[in-house]
PDB file of N, CA and C in Angstrom:
ATOM      1  N   MET A   1     106.518  11.727  76.072  1.00  0.00           N
ATOM      2  CA  MET A   1     108.050  10.920  75.460  1.00  0.00           C
ATOM      3  C   MET A   1     108.642  10.602  74.494  1.00  0.00           C
ATOM      4  N   SER A   2     109.993  11.466  74.562  1.00  0.00           N
ATOM      5  CA  SER A   2     110.415  11.370  72.999  1.00  0.00           C
ATOM      6  C   SER A   2     111.415   9.883  73.118  1.00  0.00           C
ATOM      7  N   ARG A   3     111.686   9.210  71.703  1.00  0.00           N
ATOM      8  CA  ARG A   3     111.827   7.889  71.533  1.00  0.00           C
ATOM      9  C   ARG A   3     113.493   8.227  70.923  1.00  0.00           C
ATOM     10  N   VAL A   4     114.267   9.116  71.924  1.00  0.00           N
ATOM     11  CA  VAL A   4     115.785   9.241  72.142  1.00  0.00           C
ATOM     12  C   VAL A   4     116.451   8.694  73.334  1.00  0.00           C
ATOM     13  N   CYS A   5     117.764   8.190  73.274  1.00  0.00           N
ATOM     14  CA  CYS A   5     118.473   7.591  74.249  1.00  0.00           C
ATOM     15  C   CYS A   5     119.022   8.951  75.093  1.00  0.00           C
ATOM     16  N   GLU A   6     118.750   9.033  76.325  1.00  0.00           N
ATOM     17  CA  GLU A   6     119.400  10.015  76.971  1.00  0.00           C
ATOM     18  C   GLU A   6     120.821   9.943  77.448  1.00  0.00           C
ATOM     19  N   LEU A   7     121.353   9.091  76.553  1.00  0.00           N
ATOM     20  CA  LEU A   7     123.100   9.332  77.238  1.00  0.00           C
ATOM     21  C   LEU A   7     123.795   9.323  75.190  1.00  0.00           C
ATOM     22  N   THR A   8     122.932   8.650  74.459  1.00  0.00           N
ATOM     23  CA  THR A   8     123.932   8.722  73.207  1.00  0.00           C
ATOM     24  C   THR A   8     123.072  10.282  71.646  1.00  0.00           C
ATOM     25  N   GLY A   9     121.950  10.209  72.507  1.00  0.00           N
ATOM     26  CA  GLY A   9     121.452  11.187  71.280  1.00  0.00           C
ATOM     27  C   GLY A   9     120.424  10.374  69.927  1.00  0.00           C
ATOM     28  N   LYS A  10     120.788   8.790  70.403  1.00  0.00           N
ATOM     29  CA  LYS A  10     120.213   8.154  69.277  1.00  0.00           C
ATOM     30  C   LYS A  10     118.737   8.645  69.422  1.00  0.00           C
ATOM     31  N   GLY A  11     118.558   8.695  67.807  1.00  0.00           N
ATOM     32  CA  GLY A  11     116.920   8.490  67.702  1.00  0.00           C
ATOM     33  C   GLY A  11     116.419   7.754  66.600  1.00  0.00           C
ATOM     34  N   PRO A  12     114.893   8.367  65.751  1.00  0.00           N
ATOM     35  CA  PRO A  12     114.002   7.608  65.046  1.00  0.00           C
ATOM     36  C   PRO A  12     115.391   7.957  63.931  1.00  0.00           C
ATOM     37  N   MET A  13     115.122   6.532  62.737  1.00  0.00           N
ATOM     38  CA  MET A  13     116.034   6.914  61.532  1.00  0.00           C
ATOM     39  C   MET A  13     114.777   6.818  60.693  1.00  0.00           C
ATOM     40  N   THR A  14     114.666   6.950  59.400  1.00  0.00           N
ATOM     41  CA  THR A  14     113.407   6.667  58.183  1.00  0.00           C
ATOM     42  C   THR A  14     114.474   5.451  57.036  1.00  0.00           C
ATOM     43  N   GLY A  15     113.428   5.252  56.683  1.00  0.00           N
ATOM     44  CA  GLY A  15     113.866   4.432  55.201  1.00  0.00           C
ATOM     45  C   GLY A  15     112.580   3.619  54.718  1.00  0.00           C
ATOM     46  N   ASN A  16     113.130   2.910  53.982  1.00  0.00           N
ATOM     47  CA  ASN A  16     112.135   2.148  53.395  1.00  0.00           C
ATOM     48  C   ASN A  16     111.021   0.828  53.322  1.00  0.00           C
ATOM     49  N   ASN A  17     110.073   0.284  53.478  1.00  0.00           N
ATOM     50  CA  ASN A  17     109.420  -1.102  53.240  1.00  0.00           C
ATOM     51  C   ASN A  17     109.640  -1.163  51.707  1.00  0.00           C
ATOM     52  N   VAL A  18     110.595  -2.249  51.722  1.00  0.00           N
ATOM     53  CA  VAL A  18     110.374  -3.005  49.984  1.00  0.00           C
ATOM     54  C   VAL A  18     109.824  -4.155  50.042  1.00  0.00           C
ATOM     55  N   SER A  19     108.834  -4.191  49.221  1.00  0.00           N
ATOM     56  CA  SER A  19     108.166  -5.711  48.685  1.00  0.00           C
ATOM     57  C   SER A  19     108.592  -6.501  47.891  1.00  0.00           C
ATOM     58  N   HIS A  20     108.170  -7.867  48.426  1.00  0.00           N
ATOM     59  CA  HIS A  20     108.539  -8.458  46.912  1.00  0.00           C
ATOM     60  C   HIS A  20     108.149  -8.212  45.293  1.00  0.00           C
ATOM     61  N   ALA A  21     107.319  -7.217  45.134  1.00  0.00           N
ATOM     62  CA  ALA A  21     107.248  -6.640  44.066  1.00  0.00           C
ATOM     63  C   ALA A  21     107.841  -5.471  43.952  1.00  0.00           C
ATOM     64  N   ASN A  22     108.903  -5.018  44.353  1.00  0.00           N
ATOM     65  CA  ASN A  22     110.128  -4.257  44.295  1.00  0.00           C
ATOM     66  C   ASN A  22     108.911  -2.205  44.710  1.00  0.00           C
ATOM     67  N   ASN A  23     107.766  -2.529  45.462  1.00  0.00           N
ATOM     68  CA  ASN A  23     107.210  -1.402  46.359  1.00  0.00           C
ATOM     69  C   ASN A  23     107.675  -0.953  47.506  1.00  0.00           C
ATOM     70  N   LYS A  24     107.957   0.590  47.340  1.00  0.00           N
ATOM     71  CA  LYS A  24     108.542   1.263  48.200  1.00  0.00           C
ATOM     72  C   LYS A  24     107.804   2.139  49.274  1.00  0.00           C
ATOM     73  N   THR A  25     107.320   2.128  50.777  1.00  0.00           N
ATOM     74  CA  THR A  25     106.767   2.472  51.368  1.00  0.00           C
ATOM     75  C   THR A  25     107.465   3.106  52.633  1.00  0.00           C
ATOM     76  N   ARG A  26     107.669   4.011  52.762  1.00  0.00           N
ATOM     77  CA  ARG A  26     108.035   4.967  54.110  1.00  0.00           C
ATOM     78  C   ARG A  26     108.002   4.351  55.383  1.00  0.00           C
ATOM     79  N   ARG A  27     108.567   4.120  55.906  1.00  0.00           N
ATOM     80  CA  ARG A  27     109.036   3.264  57.441  1.00  0.00           C
ATOM     81  C   ARG A  27     109.593   4.241  58.679  1.00  0.00           C
ATOM     82  N   ARG A  28     109.670   3.840  59.886  1.00  0.00           N
ATOM     83  CA  ARG A  28     110.763   4.360  60.829  1.00  0.00           C
ATOM     84  C   ARG A  28     111.726   3.141  61.445  1.00  0.00           C
ATOM     85  N   PHE A  29     112.855   3.127  61.737  1.00  0.00           N
ATOM     86  CA  PHE A  29     113.404   2.381  62.111  1.00  0.00           C
ATOM     87  C   PHE A  29     113.637   3.006  63.679  1.00  0.00           C
ATOM     88  N   LEU A  30     112.851   2.378  64.754  1.00  0.00           N
ATOM     89  CA  LEU A  30     113.229   3.073  66.423  1.00  0.00           C
ATOM     90  C   LEU A  30     114.210   2.355  67.074  1.00  0.00           C
ATOM     91  N   PRO A  31     114.779   3.175  67.864  1.00  0.00           N
ATOM     92  CA  PRO A  31     116.151   2.577  68.902  1.00  0.00           C
ATOM     93  C   PRO A  31     115.159   2.234  69.671  1.00  0.00           C
ATOM     94  N   ASN A  32     116.392   0.846  70.183  1.00  0.00           N
ATOM     95  CA  ASN A  32     115.918  -0.503  71.140  1.00  0.00           C
ATOM     96  C   ASN A  32     116.080   0.605  72.277  1.00  0.00           C
ATOM     97  N   LEU A  33     114.539   1.269  72.855  1.00  0.00           N
ATOM     98  CA  LEU A  33     114.721   1.833  74.414  1.00  0.00           C
ATOM     99  C   LEU A  33     114.518   0.986  75.732  1.00  0.00           C
ATOM    100  N   ASN A  34     115.326   1.212  76.934  1.00  0.00           N
ATOM    101  CA  ASN A  34     114.789   0.533  78.119  1.00  0.00           C
ATOM    102  C   ASN A  34     114.863   1.631  79.040  1.00  0.00           C
ATOM    103  N   GLU A  35     113.963   1.342  80.035  1.00  0.00           N
ATOM    104  CA  GLU A  35     114.400   2.478  81.164  1.00  0.00           C
ATOM    105  C   GLU A  35     115.453   1.411  82.123  1.00  0.00           C
ATOM    106  N   ILE A  36     116.508   1.959  82.363  1.00  0.00           N
ATOM    107  CA  ILE A  36     117.212   1.492  83.176  1.00  0.00           C
ATOM    108  C   ILE A  36     117.889   2.256  84.187  1.00  0.00           C
ATOM    109  N   THR A  37     118.300   0.990  85.588  1.00  0.00           N
ATOM    110  CA  THR A  37     118.302   1.829  86.588  1.00  0.00           C
ATOM    111  C   THR A  37     120.317   2.181  86.506  1.00  0.00           C
ATOM    112  N   LEU A  38     120.894   2.830  86.903  1.00  0.00           N
ATOM    113  CA  LEU A  38     121.974   3.147  86.644  1.00  0.00           C
ATOM    114  C   LEU A  38     122.762   3.772  87.761  1.00  0.00           C
ATOM    115  N   ILE A  39     123.751   3.176  88.174  1.00  0.00           N
ATOM    116  CA  ILE A  39     124.266   3.672  89.870  1.00  0.00           C
ATOM    117  C   ILE A  39     125.904   4.160  89.131  1.00  0.00           C
ATOM    118  N   SER A  40     125.868   5.323  90.382  1.00  0.00           N
ATOM    119  CA  SER A  40     127.381   6.749  90.723  1.00  0.00           C
ATOM    120  C   SER A  40     127.616   6.118  91.011  1.00  0.00           C
ATOM    121  N   ASP A  41     129.064   5.611  91.092  1.00  0.00           N
ATOM    122  CA  ASP A  41     129.626   5.243  92.094  1.00  0.00           C
ATOM    123  C   ASP A  41     130.579   6.953  93.497  1.00  0.00           C
ATOM    124  N   VAL A  42     130.434   7.718  92.217  1.00  0.00           N
ATOM    125  CA  VAL A  42     130.874   9.221  93.117  1.00  0.00           C
ATOM    126  C   VAL A  42     130.041   9.338  94.026  1.00  0.00           C
ATOM    127  N   LEU A  43     128.871   9.549  93.498  1.00  0.00           N
ATOM    128  CA  LEU A  43     127.193  10.014  94.073  1.00  0.00           C
ATOM    129  C   LEU A  43     126.969   8.916  95.008  1.00  0.00           C
ATOM    130  N   GLY A  44     127.245   7.575  95.051  1.00  0.00           N
ATOM    131  CA  GLY A  44     126.449   6.523  95.468  1.00  0.00           C
ATOM    132  C   GLY A  44     124.907   6.611  95.380  1.00  0.00           C
ATOM    133  N   GLN A  45     124.558   7.050  94.645  1.00  0.00           N
ATOM    134  CA  GLN A  45     123.154   7.295  93.984  1.00  0.00           C
ATOM    135  C   GLN A  45     122.563   6.595  92.932  1.00  0.00           C
ATOM    136  N   SER A  46     121.458   6.211  92.674  1.00  0.00           N
ATOM    137  CA  SER A  46     120.882   5.524  91.386  1.00  0.00           C
ATOM    138  C   SER A  46     120.028   6.448  90.559  1.00  0.00           C
ATOM    139  N   PHE A  47     119.780   6.566  89.382  1.00  0.00           N
ATOM    140  CA  PHE A  47     119.250   7.089  88.776  1.00  0.00           C
ATOM    141  C   PHE A  47     118.737   6.526  87.300  1.00  0.00           C
ATOM    142  N   LYS A  48     117.620   6.877  87.376  1.00  0.00           N
ATOM    143  CA  LYS A  48     116.543   6.370  86.098  1.00  0.00           C
ATOM    144  C   LYS A  48     116.965   7.078  84.726  1.00  0.00           C
ATOM    145  N   LEU A  49     117.437   5.943  83.776  1.00  0.00           N
ATOM    146  CA  LEU A  49     117.477   6.977  82.496  1.00  0.00           C
ATOM    147  C   LEU A  49     116.593   5.926  81.880  1.00  0.00           C
ATOM    148  N   ARG A  50     116.822   6.474  80.181  1.00  0.00           N
ATOM    149  CA  ARG A  50     115.607   5.990  79.082  1.00  0.00           C
ATOM    150  C   ARG A  50     116.234   5.982  78.488  1.00  0.00           C
ATOM    151  N   ILE A  51     117.302   4.683  78.013  1.00  0.00           N
ATOM    152  CA  ILE A  51     118.479   4.661  77.143  1.00  0.00           C
ATOM    153  C   ILE A  51     118.421   3.016  76.141  1.00  0.00           C
ATOM    154  N   SER A  52     119.567   3.553  75.209  1.00  0.00           N
ATOM    155  CA  SER A  52     119.448   2.333  74.189  1.00  0.00           C
ATOM    156  C   SER A  52     120.003   1.144  74.970  1.00  0.00           C
ATOM    157  N   ALA A  53     119.942  -0.046  74.062  1.00  0.00           N
ATOM    158  CA  ALA A  53     120.719  -1.210  74.394  1.00  0.00           C
ATOM    159  C   ALA A  53     122.308  -0.593  73.887  1.00  0.00           C
ATOM    160  N   ALA A  54     122.617   0.096  72.860  1.00  0.00           N
ATOM    161  CA  ALA A  54     123.817  -0.090  72.504  1.00  0.00           C
ATOM    162  C   ALA A  54     124.888   1.198  73.716  1.00  0.00           C
ATOM    163  N   GLY A  55     124.083   2.073  73.825  1.00  0.00           N
ATOM    164  CA  GLY A  55     124.209   2.722  74.598  1.00  0.00           C
ATOM    165  C   GLY A  55     124.644   2.196  76.282  1.00  0.00           C
ATOM    166  N   LEU A  56     124.043   1.511  76.460  1.00  0.00           N
ATOM    167  CA  LEU A  56     124.061   0.251  77.733  1.00  0.00           C
ATOM    168  C   LEU A  56     125.467  -0.517  76.955  1.00  0.00           C
ATOM    169  N   ARG A  57     125.710  -1.027  76.803  1.00  0.00           N
ATOM    170  CA  ARG A  57     127.376  -1.995  75.752  1.00  0.00           C
ATOM    171  C   ARG A  57     127.913  -0.627  76.108  1.00  0.00           C
ATOM    172  N   SER A  58     127.548   0.536  75.993  1.00  0.00           N
ATOM    173  CA  SER A  58     128.567   1.705  75.724  1.00  0.00           C
ATOM    174  C   SER A  58     129.236   2.213  77.044  1.00  0.00           C
ATOM    175  N   VAL A  59     127.932   2.328  77.790  1.00  0.00           N
ATOM    176  CA  VAL A  59     128.417   2.790  79.314  1.00  0.00           C
ATOM    177  C   VAL A  59     129.368   1.456  80.365  1.00  0.00           C
ATOM    178  N   ASP A  60     128.878   0.147  79.913  1.00  0.00           N
ATOM    179  CA  ASP A  60     129.558  -0.939  80.564  1.00  0.00           C
ATOM    180  C   ASP A  60     131.463  -0.811  79.913  1.00  0.00           C
ATOM    181  N   HIS A  61     131.088  -0.279  78.852  1.00  0.00           N
ATOM    182  CA  HIS A  61     132.939  -0.310  78.123  1.00  0.00           C
ATOM    183  C   HIS A  61     133.790   0.371  79.042  1.00  0.00           C
ATOM    184  N   ARG A  62     132.863   1.753  78.798  1.00  0.00           N
ATOM    185  CA  ARG A  62     133.853   2.405  79.377  1.00  0.00           C
ATOM    186  C   ARG A  62     134.096   2.617  81.314  1.00  0.00           C
ATOM    187  N   GLY A  63     133.346   1.813  81.586  1.00  0.00           N
ATOM    188  CA  GLY A  63     133.999   1.447  83.249  1.00  0.00           C
ATOM    189  C   GLY A  63     132.493   2.193  83.882  1.00  0.00           C
ATOM    190  N   GLY A  64     131.770   1.683  83.486  1.00  0.00           N
ATOM    191  CA  GLY A  64     130.620   2.822  84.246  1.00  0.00           C
ATOM    192  C   GLY A  64     130.136   4.117  84.059  1.00  0.00           C
ATOM    193  N   LEU A  65     128.824   4.327  84.445  1.00  0.00           N
ATOM    194  CA  LEU A  65     128.324   5.975  84.704  1.00  0.00           C
ATOM    195  C   LEU A  65     128.893   7.248  84.565  1.00  0.00           C
ATOM    196  N   ASP A  66     129.551   6.971  85.935  1.00  0.00           N
ATOM    197  CA  ASP A  66     130.607   8.354  85.346  1.00  0.00           C
ATOM    198  C   ASP A  66     131.364   8.736  84.445  1.00  0.00           C
ATOM    199  N   ALA A  67     132.314   7.343  84.465  1.00  0.00           N
ATOM    200  CA  ALA A  67     133.051   7.386  83.734  1.00  0.00           C
ATOM    201  C   ALA A  67     132.497   7.355  81.637  1.00  0.00           C
ATOM    202  N   PHE A  68     131.448   6.968  81.653  1.00  0.00           N
ATOM    203  CA  PHE A  68     130.710   7.251  80.508  1.00  0.00           C
ATOM    204  C   PHE A  68     130.517   8.749  80.351  1.00  0.00           C
ATOM    205  N   LEU A  69     129.630   9.682  80.754  1.00  0.00           N
ATOM    206  CA  LEU A  69     129.664  10.763  81.298  1.00  0.00           C
ATOM    207  C   LEU A  69     130.102  12.330  81.283  1.00  0.00           C
ATOM    208  N   ALA A  70     131.750  11.491  81.829  1.00  0.00           N
ATOM    209  CA  ALA A  70     132.624  12.488  81.869  1.00  0.00           C
ATOM    210  C   ALA A  70     133.586  12.331  80.504  1.00  0.00           C
ATOM    211  N   LYS A  71     133.547  11.278  79.180  1.00  0.00           N
ATOM    212  CA  LYS A  71     133.976  11.439  78.386  1.00  0.00           C
ATOM    213  C   LYS A  71     132.595  11.777  77.426  1.00  0.00           C
ATOM    214  N   ALA A  72     131.466  11.454  77.596  1.00  0.00           N
ATOM    215  CA  ALA A  72     130.511  12.374  76.514  1.00  0.00           C
ATOM    216  C   ALA A  72     130.303  13.636  75.723  1.00  0.00           C
ATOM    217  N   LYS A  73     130.188  14.029  74.735  1.00  0.00           N
ATOM    218  CA  LYS A  73     129.613  15.216  74.467  1.00  0.00           C
ATOM    219  C   LYS A  73     128.389  15.877  75.355  1.00  0.00           C
ATOM    220  N   ASP A  74     128.358  16.802  74.939  1.00  0.00           N
ATOM    221  CA  ASP A  74     127.459  17.350  76.028  1.00  0.00           C
ATOM    222  C   ASP A  74     125.746  17.791  75.184  1.00  0.00           C
ATOM    223  N   ASP A  75     126.271  17.899  74.001  1.00  0.00           N
ATOM    224  CA  ASP A  75     125.825  17.680  72.505  1.00  0.00           C
ATOM    225  C   ASP A  75     124.561  16.461  72.724  1.00  0.00           C
ATOM    226  N   ASP A  76     125.165  15.182  72.863  1.00  0.00           N
ATOM    227  CA  ASP A  76     124.660  14.138  72.893  1.00  0.00           C
ATOM    228  C   ASP A  76     123.340  13.887  74.204  1.00  0.00           C
ATOM    229  N   LEU A  77     124.034  14.570  75.246  1.00  0.00           N
ATOM    230  CA  LEU A  77     123.372  13.714  76.966  1.00  0.00           C
ATOM    231  C   LEU A  77     122.038  15.045  76.067  1.00  0.00           C
ATOM    232  N   SER A  78     121.018  14.226  77.120  1.00  0.00           N
ATOM    233  CA  SER A  78     119.168  14.923  77.274  1.00  0.00           C
ATOM    234  C   SER A  78     119.840  15.741  78.628  1.00  0.00           C
ATOM    235  N   SER A  79     118.699  16.615  78.872  1.00  0.00           N
ATOM    236  CA  SER A  79     119.019  17.320  79.912  1.00  0.00           C
ATOM    237  C   SER A  79     119.404  17.021  81.020  1.00  0.00           C
ATOM    238  N   LYS A  80     118.408  15.698  81.563  1.00  0.00           N
ATOM    239  CA  LYS A  80     118.510  15.388  82.845  1.00  0.00           C
ATOM    240  C   LYS A  80     120.183  14.647  82.979  1.00  0.00           C
ATOM    241  N   ALA A  81     121.011  14.012  81.505  1.00  0.00           N
ATOM    242  CA  ALA A  81     122.408  13.496  81.977  1.00  0.00           C
ATOM    243  C   ALA A  81     122.554  14.399  81.915  1.00  0.00           C
ATOM    244  N   LEU A  82     122.717  15.936  81.960  1.00  0.00           N
ATOM    245  CA  LEU A  82     123.765  16.962  81.841  1.00  0.00           C
ATOM    246  C   LEU A  82     123.969  16.999  83.345  1.00  0.00           C
ATOM    247  N   LYS A  83     122.329  17.261  83.652  1.00  0.00           N
ATOM    248  CA  LYS A  83     122.750  17.479  85.030  1.00  0.00           C
ATOM    249  C   LYS A  83     123.421  16.486  85.973  1.00  0.00           C
ATOM    250  N   ILE A  84     123.150  15.316  85.583  1.00  0.00           N
ATOM    251  CA  ILE A  84     124.251  14.186  86.598  1.00  0.00           C
ATOM    252  C   ILE A  84     125.328  14.518  86.264  1.00  0.00           C
ATOM    253  N   LYS A  85     126.005  14.771  85.377  1.00  0.00           N
ATOM    254  CA  LYS A  85     127.002  14.732  84.676  1.00  0.00           C
ATOM    255  C   LYS A  85     127.781  16.001  85.494  1.00  0.00           C
ATOM    256  N   LYS A  86     127.083  17.245  85.842  1.00  0.00           N
ATOM    257  CA  LYS A  86     127.631  18.338  86.228  1.00  0.00           C
ATOM    258  C   LYS A  86     127.703  18.115  88.178  1.00  0.00           C
ATOM    259  N   GLU A  87     126.786  17.309  88.463  1.00  0.00           N
ATOM    260  CA  GLU A  87     126.645  16.833  90.115  1.00  0.00           C
ATOM    261  C   GLU A  87     127.875  15.984  90.655  1.00  0.00           C
ATOM    262  N   ILE A  88     127.976  15.048  89.176  1.00  0.00           N
ATOM    263  CA  ILE A  88     129.573  13.854  89.778  1.00  0.00           C
ATOM    264  C   ILE A  88     130.723  14.826  89.094  1.00  0.00           C
ATOM    265  N   ALA A  89     130.942  16.067  88.243  1.00  0.00           N
ATOM    266  CA  ALA A  89     132.256  16.776  88.331  1.00  0.00           C
ATOM    267  C   ALA A  89     132.254  17.807  89.866  1.00  0.00           C
ATOM    268  N   LYS A  90     131.480  17.911  89.931  1.00  0.00           N
ATOM    269  CA  LYS A  90     131.376  18.716  91.678  1.00  0.00           C
ATOM    270  C   LYS A  90     131.713  18.198  92.832  1.00  0.00           C
ATOM    271  N   ALA A  91     131.195  16.988  92.598  1.00  0.00           N
ATOM    272  CA  ALA A  91     131.416  16.177  93.789  1.00  0.00           C
ATOM    273  C   ALA A  91     132.931  15.618  93.229  1.00  0.00           C
ATOM    274  N   GLN A  92     133.626  15.340  92.542  1.00  0.00           N
ATOM    275  CA  GLN A  92     134.964  14.956  92.085  1.00  0.00           C
ATOM    276  C   GLN A  92     135.921  16.044  93.166  1.00  0.00           C
ATOM    277  N   ALA A  93     135.524  17.152  92.145  1.00  0.00           N
ATOM    278  CA  ALA A  93     135.903  18.374  92.308  1.00  0.00           C
ATOM    279  C   ALA A  93     136.690  18.479  94.048  1.00  0.00           C
ATOM    280  N   ALA A  94     135.882  18.041  94.516  1.00  0.00           N
ATOM    281  CA  ALA A  94     135.081  18.330  96.182  1.00  0.00           C
ATOM    282  C   ALA A  94     136.408  17.307  97.087  1.00  0.00           C
ATOM    283  N   ALA A  95     136.415  15.668  96.315  1.00  0.00           N
ATOM    284  CA  ALA A  95     136.898  15.150  96.625  1.00  0.00           C
ATOM    285  C   ALA A  95     138.404  15.367  96.865  1.00  0.00           C
ATOM    286  N   ALA A  96     138.828  15.864  95.480  1.00  0.00           N
ATOM    287  CA  ALA A  96     140.121  16.150  95.354  1.00  0.00           C
ATOM    288  C   ALA A  96     140.665  17.183  96.337  1.00  0.00           C
TER     289      ALA A  96
END
């Protein structure tokens, strides 16, 4: 399983460990990923996604999963999230 947020696309970054003697060794900064169940209001269905803590705050800030996916760029989303986004768009078009 890759260490990439399914909604924001946030992945590992690289940097240095710096010792007291100023020795530098390479290291990885991993995103804070959690497996979260989010509920779609339009579909009335829950989805399990592996997203970062910052991504979860973004979802809450935008007003839920449906609103977040409507504004999200397709490049950042995983294939699972893209599928959910298309289902939501289809359900909203049928309701209107």
